[in-house]
Amino acid sequence: MSSGTGGQYWADKELPSVFKHELLRRYLPQFGGMTGTQSHDSRVVYLDGYAGEGRYKNGQPASGEIALRVASHLRARAGLTLECFFSEAQAKSYDRLQDVIGQYQASGVRAHAHRGEVDSVLDQVVERAVREPLFLFLDPCGLVLPQDRLVEVLARKRPQKRPATELLMNFSMMAVWRLGGHVRSPKGNEKSLQRFDDVCGGTWWREYFADAVASHGRDGAAEDAIEAVAAEYARRLARRTGMVVQSVPVSHSPRKRAVYRLVFATRSPYGLWVFGDAVARARATWWEELEEREEDALFSLAPDPKEVEARALPEIADNLEKLLLRTRRPVKLVDHTLEIFGSYYGQVTEPVARQAVRLLHQQGKTPSNGVGVKRTREITVAPGVLSA
């Protein structure tokens, strides 16, 4: 988390960070495992662009230490080097971050700290990642890098599928809310608006709030505008980079709107599949933490995972059946992640997809049953006697 976060932020981990950090903890080692073979010297490059202190004052790991732990694990278990770069602009946070990094450097982890804004070190990191996989984690407390800058890196400097490049980025809904107020107000700050123009890659986002003003105070108009801006941002990033982009809402409570969205970009069907599974597992941890913090609640807020899976199974099976009808050929699950999971992408884990294959097999709609295939995503499903 970027500079601008006060001391209270680093006292303990808030619920949005529980989800975000659990997602990072689950996905980053898998990114290393999936892409390490693409490296010419068994090295994967990682950048945390707004690293903060690296560790909370209560001892819990923040994003910095999570990455360092992953690097230590990959080094010990797989002989893979996750070379970590951390950028932090605030002096006190940087000093504490260096202390955390030093503990891991002493055990052989390759890590570097940069005092300053991420934009001043980004080109150096990209250069260091030539011929190596690169993962960018950008988690500011305010506005992220301009979209043109991201496109320069993702589409111009790193346009290839291999070695892989992926991005996980915090798109602040609270910042959109504040800046949308400038659009709605005749006294709006044009300099602030122009800064967000840069983030969005144009002035297009202003139209959504102008429409909200034109709705004459309709309840929820501004909130709907915020959601629409976030969705359009993701679509534009996907179009300009040629990457698949998914946006995951993160909130303090299921009763509240998202405080930010985690925007994930990849060119890999494997990355897309594994990320969705990691999101579902991180979401389960978030629910567990919410239950612990609201233990005095009269009833549970958390959905029963088994009930969610029971609702998801027939929909995923139906999606797979329609895919087989459309293609009339065998399909490998990992090549059709979004089409197969549909609205349950990031909601349920990958074993539900295996159950869907088994269900279609039991119904006589495919000769494939997934038996003997270790990884669910590698299952190939052949069309059988399918209804028209």
Protein backbone atom coordinates (compact mmCIF):
# COMPACT_ATOMS: atom_id res chain seq x y z
CA MET A 1 0.00 0.00 0.00
CA SER A 2 1.34 3.38 -1.05
CA SER A 3 2.54 6.31 0.92
CA GLY A 4 -0.33 8.36 2.19
CA THR A 5 -1.34 5.58 4.57
CA GLY A 6 -0.99 6.74 8.14
CA GLY A 7 0.34 4.93 11.18
CA GLN A 8 -3.11 3.64 12.08
CA TYR A 9 -3.25 1.75 8.78
CA TRP A 10 -0.18 -0.27 9.76
CA ALA A 11 -1.51 -1.16 13.21
CA ASP A 12 -3.63 -4.05 11.98
CA LYS A 13 -5.01 -5.53 8.76
CA GLU A 14 -8.44 -4.31 7.66
CA LEU A 15 -10.90 -6.61 5.92
CA PRO A 16 -10.23 -5.45 2.33
CA SER A 17 -6.52 -6.16 2.90
CA VAL A 18 -7.36 -9.62 4.26
CA PHE A 19 -8.83 -10.53 0.87
CA LYS A 20 -6.16 -8.78 -1.18
CA HIS A 21 -3.22 -10.28 0.70
CA GLU A 22 -4.73 -13.77 0.78
CA LEU A 23 -5.20 -13.55 -2.98
CA LEU A 24 -1.59 -12.47 -3.46
CA ARG A 25 -0.37 -15.21 -1.10
CA ARG A 26 -2.24 -17.85 -3.07
CA TYR A 27 -1.62 -16.66 -6.62
CA LEU A 28 1.97 -15.42 -6.64
CA PRO A 29 3.62 -18.81 -5.97
CA GLN A 30 1.47 -20.36 -8.69
CA PHE A 31 2.51 -17.64 -11.13
CA GLY A 32 6.12 -18.52 -10.33
CA GLY A 33 5.44 -22.23 -10.75
CA MET A 34 3.56 -21.80 -14.03
CA THR A 35 6.02 -19.40 -15.66
CA GLY A 36 9.40 -20.37 -14.20
CA THR A 37 10.11 -22.71 -17.13
CA GLN A 38 9.81 -19.71 -19.49
CA SER A 39 12.87 -18.12 -17.89
CA HIS A 40 16.34 -18.60 -19.31
CA ASP A 41 17.92 -18.67 -15.83
CA SER A 42 15.14 -19.92 -13.52
CA ARG A 43 14.23 -16.39 -12.48
CA VAL A 44 10.89 -14.57 -12.22
CA VAL A 45 10.72 -10.81 -11.62
CA TYR A 46 8.20 -9.24 -9.25
CA LEU A 47 7.47 -5.57 -8.56
CA ASP A 48 5.45 -4.24 -5.62
CA GLY A 49 5.06 -0.64 -6.70
CA TYR A 50 3.53 0.76 -3.50
CA ALA A 51 5.07 -1.52 -0.91
CA GLY A 52 4.52 0.42 2.31
CA GLU A 53 6.15 -1.01 5.44
CA GLY A 54 6.06 -4.64 4.37
CA ARG A 55 4.75 -5.85 7.72
CA TYR A 56 2.03 -4.70 10.12
CA LYS A 57 2.98 -3.58 13.60
CA ASN A 58 1.18 -6.60 15.08
CA GLY A 59 3.53 -8.86 13.12
CA GLN A 60 1.16 -9.84 10.33
CA PRO A 61 2.75 -9.86 6.86
CA ALA A 62 1.71 -7.14 4.43
CA SER A 63 2.22 -7.42 0.68
CA GLY A 64 6.00 -6.95 0.97
CA GLU A 65 6.61 -9.78 3.37
CA ILE A 66 4.07 -12.01 1.61
CA ALA A 67 6.16 -11.76 -1.58
CA LEU A 68 9.39 -12.34 0.35
CA ARG A 69 7.94 -15.47 1.93
CA VAL A 70 6.88 -16.72 -1.50
CA ALA A 71 10.40 -16.02 -2.81
CA SER A 72 11.91 -17.95 0.08
CA HIS A 73 9.54 -20.87 -0.52
CA LEU A 74 10.18 -21.03 -4.28
CA ARG A 75 13.93 -20.87 -3.72
CA ALA A 76 13.87 -23.74 -1.22
CA ARG A 77 11.30 -26.00 -2.89
CA ALA A 78 11.67 -25.39 -6.61
CA GLY A 79 15.12 -23.86 -7.05
CA LEU A 80 13.40 -20.83 -8.59
CA THR A 81 14.47 -17.24 -7.96
CA LEU A 82 11.66 -14.75 -7.45
CA GLU A 83 13.60 -11.50 -7.72
CA CYS A 84 11.61 -8.90 -5.80
CA PHE A 85 11.62 -5.15 -6.33
CA PHE A 86 9.84 -2.90 -3.84
CA SER A 87 9.13 0.79 -4.27
CA GLU A 88 8.02 3.10 -1.46
CA ALA A 89 7.99 6.91 -1.41
CA GLN A 90 7.42 7.63 2.28
CA ALA A 91 10.63 7.76 4.33
CA LYS A 92 9.43 6.06 7.54
CA SER A 93 7.66 3.30 5.64
CA TYR A 94 10.72 2.79 3.45
CA ASP A 95 12.99 2.40 6.49
CA ARG A 96 10.71 -0.23 8.02
CA LEU A 97 10.40 -1.96 4.66
CA GLN A 98 14.19 -2.16 4.38
CA ASP A 99 14.36 -3.85 7.79
CA VAL A 100 11.89 -6.53 6.66
CA ILE A 101 13.69 -7.05 3.36
CA GLY A 102 17.05 -7.36 5.11
CA GLN A 103 15.82 -10.32 7.14
CA TYR A 104 15.11 -12.25 3.94
CA GLN A 105 18.18 -11.07 2.05
CA ALA A 106 20.24 -12.63 4.83
CA SER A 107 18.78 -16.02 3.96
CA GLY A 108 19.50 -15.67 0.23
CA VAL A 109 16.34 -14.05 -1.13
CA ARG A 110 17.10 -11.64 -3.96
CA ALA A 111 15.27 -8.40 -3.13
CA HIS A 112 15.75 -4.69 -3.78
CA ALA A 113 14.19 -1.61 -2.16
CA HIS A 114 13.73 1.67 -4.00
CA ARG A 115 12.99 4.95 -2.24
CA GLY A 116 10.68 6.93 -4.48
CA GLU A 117 7.65 6.68 -6.75
CA VAL A 118 7.12 3.51 -8.74
CA ASP A 119 7.26 5.31 -12.07
CA SER A 120 10.92 6.16 -11.47
CA VAL A 121 11.92 2.50 -11.10
CA LEU A 122 9.45 0.80 -13.47
CA ASP A 123 11.66 0.93 -16.57
CA GLN A 124 14.59 -0.50 -14.61
CA VAL A 125 12.46 -3.43 -13.45
CA VAL A 126 11.14 -4.07 -16.97
CA GLU A 127 14.71 -4.06 -18.26
CA ARG A 128 15.71 -6.49 -15.54
CA ALA A 129 12.89 -8.78 -16.68
CA VAL A 130 13.99 -9.06 -20.32
CA ARG A 131 13.64 -12.77 -21.21
CA GLU A 132 12.03 -13.41 -17.81
CA PRO A 133 8.40 -13.60 -16.57
CA LEU A 134 7.21 -10.40 -14.89
CA PHE A 135 4.46 -9.84 -12.32
CA LEU A 136 3.42 -6.27 -11.45
CA PHE A 137 1.54 -5.59 -8.21
CA LEU A 138 0.35 -1.99 -8.02
CA ASP A 139 -1.58 -1.19 -4.85
CA PRO A 140 -1.73 2.56 -4.17
CA CYS A 141 -3.95 4.10 -1.53
CA GLY A 142 -5.02 6.66 -4.14
CA LEU A 143 -4.58 6.86 -7.88
CA VAL A 144 -2.60 4.33 -9.85
CA LEU A 145 -0.22 5.01 -12.75
CA PRO A 146 -1.64 6.64 -15.90
CA GLN A 147 -3.17 4.10 -18.25
CA ASP A 148 -0.91 5.28 -21.07
CA ARG A 149 2.09 4.31 -18.92
CA LEU A 150 0.64 0.88 -18.23
CA VAL A 151 -0.08 0.38 -21.93
CA GLU A 152 3.49 1.38 -22.75
CA VAL A 153 4.79 -1.41 -20.52
CA LEU A 154 2.17 -4.09 -21.16
CA ALA A 155 1.56 -3.59 -24.89
CA ARG A 156 4.77 -2.05 -26.22
CA LYS A 157 7.60 -3.26 -24.03
CA ARG A 158 6.00 -6.62 -23.05
CA PRO A 159 3.63 -7.56 -25.92
CA GLN A 160 4.59 -11.24 -26.07
CA LYS A 161 2.79 -14.17 -24.46
CA ARG A 162 6.07 -15.74 -23.36
CA PRO A 163 7.78 -14.97 -21.11
CA ALA A 164 4.58 -14.06 -19.32
CA THR A 165 3.59 -10.63 -18.04
CA GLU A 166 0.76 -10.18 -15.57
CA LEU A 167 -0.68 -7.27 -13.61
CA LEU A 168 -2.66 -7.10 -10.36
CA MET A 169 -3.73 -3.53 -9.63
CA ASN A 170 -5.84 -1.61 -7.14
CA PHE A 171 -8.37 0.62 -8.89
CA SER A 172 -9.72 2.84 -6.11
CA MET A 173 -13.49 3.25 -6.10
CA MET A 174 -13.15 5.81 -3.29
CA ALA A 175 -10.91 7.94 -5.51
CA VAL A 176 -13.48 7.73 -8.31
CA TRP A 177 -16.15 8.80 -5.82
CA ARG A 178 -14.14 11.85 -4.72
CA LEU A 179 -13.22 12.90 -8.24
CA GLY A 180 -16.74 12.32 -9.48
CA GLY A 181 -17.76 14.98 -6.98
CA HIS A 182 -15.58 17.46 -8.86
CA VAL A 183 -17.46 16.69 -12.06
CA ARG A 184 -20.80 17.13 -10.31
CA SER A 185 -19.78 20.40 -8.65
CA PRO A 186 -19.51 23.78 -10.45
CA LYS A 187 -16.49 24.43 -8.18
CA GLY A 188 -14.69 21.24 -9.20
CA ASN A 189 -10.89 21.18 -9.21
CA GLU A 190 -9.79 20.92 -12.84
CA LYS A 191 -6.25 19.88 -11.90
CA SER A 192 -7.61 16.88 -9.98
CA LEU A 193 -9.88 16.01 -12.88
CA GLN A 194 -6.95 16.10 -15.30
CA ARG A 195 -4.94 13.80 -13.04
CA PHE A 196 -7.73 11.24 -13.24
CA ASP A 197 -7.99 11.80 -16.99
CA ASP A 198 -4.41 10.54 -17.12
CA VAL A 199 -5.25 7.50 -14.96
CA CYS A 200 -8.15 6.60 -17.25
CA GLY A 201 -6.42 7.43 -20.51
CA GLY A 202 -8.89 10.16 -21.48
CA THR A 203 -11.82 12.27 -20.36
CA TRP A 204 -14.41 9.61 -21.17
CA TRP A 205 -15.08 8.86 -17.48
CA ARG A 206 -16.47 12.36 -16.88
CA GLU A 207 -19.50 11.60 -19.03
CA TYR A 208 -20.73 9.01 -16.54
CA PHE A 209 -20.91 11.60 -13.76
CA ALA A 210 -22.38 14.21 -16.07
CA ASP A 211 -25.17 11.69 -16.75
CA ALA A 212 -25.56 11.19 -12.99
CA VAL A 213 -26.07 14.94 -12.58
CA ALA A 214 -28.60 14.90 -15.43
CA SER A 215 -30.58 12.20 -13.61
CA HIS A 216 -31.63 14.90 -11.10
CA GLY A 217 -30.64 13.13 -7.91
CA ARG A 218 -31.92 9.66 -8.71
CA ASP A 219 -31.04 7.38 -5.81
CA GLY A 220 -27.84 5.47 -6.50
CA ALA A 221 -26.98 7.42 -9.67
CA ALA A 222 -23.51 8.42 -8.46
CA GLU A 223 -22.79 4.91 -7.15
CA ASP A 224 -23.85 3.43 -10.49
CA ALA A 225 -21.54 5.88 -12.26
CA ILE A 226 -18.60 4.70 -10.14
CA GLU A 227 -19.27 1.07 -11.04
CA ALA A 228 -19.63 1.95 -14.71
CA VAL A 229 -16.32 3.84 -14.71
CA ALA A 230 -14.52 0.87 -13.15
CA ALA A 231 -16.02 -1.55 -15.69
CA GLU A 232 -15.17 0.69 -18.64
CA TYR A 233 -11.62 1.19 -17.34
CA ALA A 234 -11.11 -2.58 -17.39
CA ARG A 235 -12.57 -2.89 -20.90
CA ARG A 236 -10.31 -0.15 -22.24
CA LEU A 237 -7.22 -1.64 -20.59
CA ALA A 238 -8.05 -5.01 -22.18
CA ARG A 239 -8.55 -3.47 -25.62
CA ARG A 240 -5.38 -1.38 -25.50
CA THR A 241 -3.11 -4.16 -24.22
CA GLY A 242 -4.61 -7.22 -25.93
CA MET A 243 -4.79 -8.91 -22.52
CA VAL A 244 -7.67 -10.62 -20.76
CA VAL A 245 -8.73 -8.35 -17.89
CA GLN A 246 -10.86 -9.30 -14.91
CA SER A 247 -12.01 -6.92 -12.17
CA VAL A 248 -12.74 -8.18 -8.64
CA PRO A 249 -14.70 -6.00 -6.15
CA VAL A 250 -13.25 -5.69 -2.62
CA SER A 251 -15.23 -4.27 0.30
CA HIS A 252 -15.35 -3.97 4.09
CA SER A 253 -18.63 -5.86 4.29
CA PRO A 254 -21.15 -7.63 2.05
CA ARG A 255 -23.57 -4.84 3.02
CA LYS A 256 -21.30 -2.17 1.54
CA ARG A 257 -20.15 -1.23 -1.93
CA ALA A 258 -16.60 -1.98 -3.03
CA VAL A 259 -13.86 0.36 -1.80
CA TYR A 260 -11.68 -0.72 -4.69
CA ARG A 261 -11.44 -3.27 -7.47
CA LEU A 262 -8.49 -5.54 -8.05
CA VAL A 263 -7.81 -5.46 -11.77
CA PHE A 264 -6.03 -8.54 -13.08
CA ALA A 265 -4.52 -8.70 -16.58
CA THR A 266 -3.01 -11.76 -18.28
CA ARG A 267 -2.42 -13.32 -21.69
CA SER A 268 -2.35 -16.84 -20.32
CA PRO A 269 -5.40 -19.13 -20.17
CA TYR A 270 -3.66 -20.88 -17.26
CA GLY A 271 -3.24 -17.59 -15.42
CA LEU A 272 -6.92 -16.79 -15.92
CA TRP A 273 -8.01 -20.21 -14.61
CA VAL A 274 -5.72 -20.26 -11.58
CA PHE A 275 -6.49 -16.65 -10.67
CA GLY A 276 -10.23 -17.38 -10.59
CA ASP A 277 -9.62 -20.34 -8.27
CA ALA A 278 -7.38 -18.18 -6.04
CA VAL A 279 -10.06 -15.47 -5.88
CA ALA A 280 -12.66 -18.00 -4.70
CA ARG A 281 -10.32 -19.33 -1.99
CA ALA A 282 -9.32 -15.83 -0.88
CA ARG A 283 -12.98 -14.90 -0.70
CA ALA A 284 -13.61 -17.84 1.63
CA THR A 285 -10.83 -16.60 3.94
CA TRP A 286 -12.38 -13.11 3.85
CA TRP A 287 -15.73 -14.55 4.94
CA GLU A 288 -14.08 -16.45 7.78
CA GLU A 289 -12.35 -13.31 9.01
CA LEU A 290 -15.58 -11.34 8.75
CA GLU A 291 -17.37 -13.95 10.86
CA GLU A 292 -14.68 -13.75 13.53
CA ARG A 293 -14.85 -9.96 13.68
CA GLU A 294 -18.64 -9.94 13.83
CA GLU A 295 -19.00 -12.85 16.23
CA ASP A 296 -21.77 -11.03 18.15
CA ALA A 297 -24.02 -10.99 15.08
CA LEU A 298 -27.36 -12.74 15.59
CA PHE A 299 -26.95 -14.78 12.41
CA SER A 300 -24.22 -15.65 9.97
CA LEU A 301 -23.63 -13.38 7.00
CA ALA A 302 -21.46 -15.87 5.17
CA PRO A 303 -22.99 -17.98 2.41
CA ASP A 304 -22.72 -21.72 2.87
CA PRO A 305 -19.99 -22.83 0.41
CA LYS A 306 -21.81 -26.08 -0.23
CA GLU A 307 -24.98 -24.20 -1.17
CA VAL A 308 -23.06 -21.91 -3.51
CA GLU A 309 -21.42 -24.91 -5.16
CA ALA A 310 -24.81 -26.66 -5.45
CA ARG A 311 -26.20 -23.63 -7.32
CA ALA A 312 -23.08 -23.30 -9.45
CA LEU A 313 -22.84 -26.93 -10.56
CA PRO A 314 -25.85 -27.09 -12.92
CA GLU A 315 -24.98 -23.68 -14.43
CA ILE A 316 -21.36 -24.67 -15.08
CA ALA A 317 -22.46 -28.02 -16.51
CA ASP A 318 -24.94 -26.22 -18.77
CA ASN A 319 -22.23 -23.79 -19.89
CA LEU A 320 -19.96 -26.71 -20.75
CA GLU A 321 -22.72 -28.51 -22.63
CA LYS A 322 -23.45 -25.38 -24.70
CA LEU A 323 -19.75 -25.03 -25.44
CA LEU A 324 -19.61 -28.61 -26.74
CA LEU A 325 -22.72 -28.03 -28.83
CA ARG A 326 -21.21 -24.93 -30.34
CA THR A 327 -17.73 -26.28 -31.07
CA ARG A 328 -18.64 -29.90 -31.95
CA ARG A 329 -15.13 -30.93 -30.94
CA PRO A 330 -13.18 -31.83 -27.78
CA VAL A 331 -12.47 -28.86 -25.54
CA LYS A 332 -9.79 -28.44 -22.90
CA LEU A 333 -11.26 -26.78 -19.82
CA VAL A 334 -8.44 -24.28 -19.30
CA ASP A 335 -8.94 -22.85 -22.79
CA HIS A 336 -12.53 -21.76 -21.99
CA THR A 337 -12.37 -20.53 -18.39
CA LEU A 338 -14.82 -17.63 -18.52
CA GLU A 339 -17.29 -19.42 -20.77
CA ILE A 340 -17.37 -22.46 -18.48
CA PHE A 341 -17.56 -20.73 -15.09
CA GLY A 342 -19.80 -17.88 -16.29
CA SER A 343 -21.14 -15.80 -13.40
CA TYR A 344 -19.45 -18.14 -10.92
CA TYR A 345 -15.93 -17.21 -12.01
CA GLY A 346 -14.09 -16.29 -8.81
CA GLN A 347 -17.04 -17.57 -6.77
CA VAL A 348 -16.32 -21.30 -6.70
CA THR A 349 -13.12 -23.31 -6.83
CA GLU A 350 -11.98 -25.53 -9.68
CA PRO A 351 -13.24 -28.87 -8.27
CA VAL A 352 -16.76 -27.73 -9.23
CA ALA A 353 -15.68 -27.80 -12.89
CA ARG A 354 -14.59 -31.43 -12.44
CA GLN A 355 -17.98 -32.19 -10.89
CA ALA A 356 -19.65 -30.61 -13.93
CA VAL A 357 -17.71 -32.92 -16.26
CA ARG A 358 -18.77 -35.89 -14.14
CA LEU A 359 -22.40 -34.74 -14.21
CA LEU A 360 -22.47 -34.50 -18.00
CA HIS A 361 -20.85 -37.93 -18.20
CA GLN A 362 -23.53 -39.40 -15.93
CA GLN A 363 -26.19 -37.83 -18.13
CA GLY A 364 -24.67 -39.48 -21.20
CA LYS A 365 -23.70 -36.16 -22.77
CA THR A 366 -19.95 -36.83 -22.94
CA PRO A 367 -17.78 -39.94 -22.86
CA SER A 368 -15.26 -37.96 -20.79
CA ASN A 369 -15.29 -38.21 -17.02
CA GLY A 370 -12.00 -36.59 -16.00
CA VAL A 371 -10.76 -39.72 -14.26
CA GLY A 372 -6.97 -40.03 -14.32
CA VAL A 373 -6.36 -36.37 -15.11
CA LYS A 374 -4.52 -34.89 -12.13
CA ARG A 375 -5.25 -31.22 -12.73
CA THR A 376 -8.85 -30.24 -13.37
CA ARG A 377 -7.85 -27.52 -15.82
CA GLU A 378 -6.13 -30.11 -18.03
CA ILE A 379 -9.29 -32.19 -18.54
CA THR A 380 -10.35 -32.49 -22.16
CA VAL A 381 -14.07 -33.04 -22.67
CA ALA A 382 -15.33 -34.69 -25.87
CA PRO A 383 -18.80 -34.17 -27.27
CA GLY A 384 -21.12 -37.15 -26.99
CA VAL A 385 -24.80 -37.57 -27.73
CA LEU A 386 -25.79 -33.94 -27.27
CA SER A 387 -29.27 -32.56 -27.62
CA ALA A 388 -29.79 -29.90 -30.27
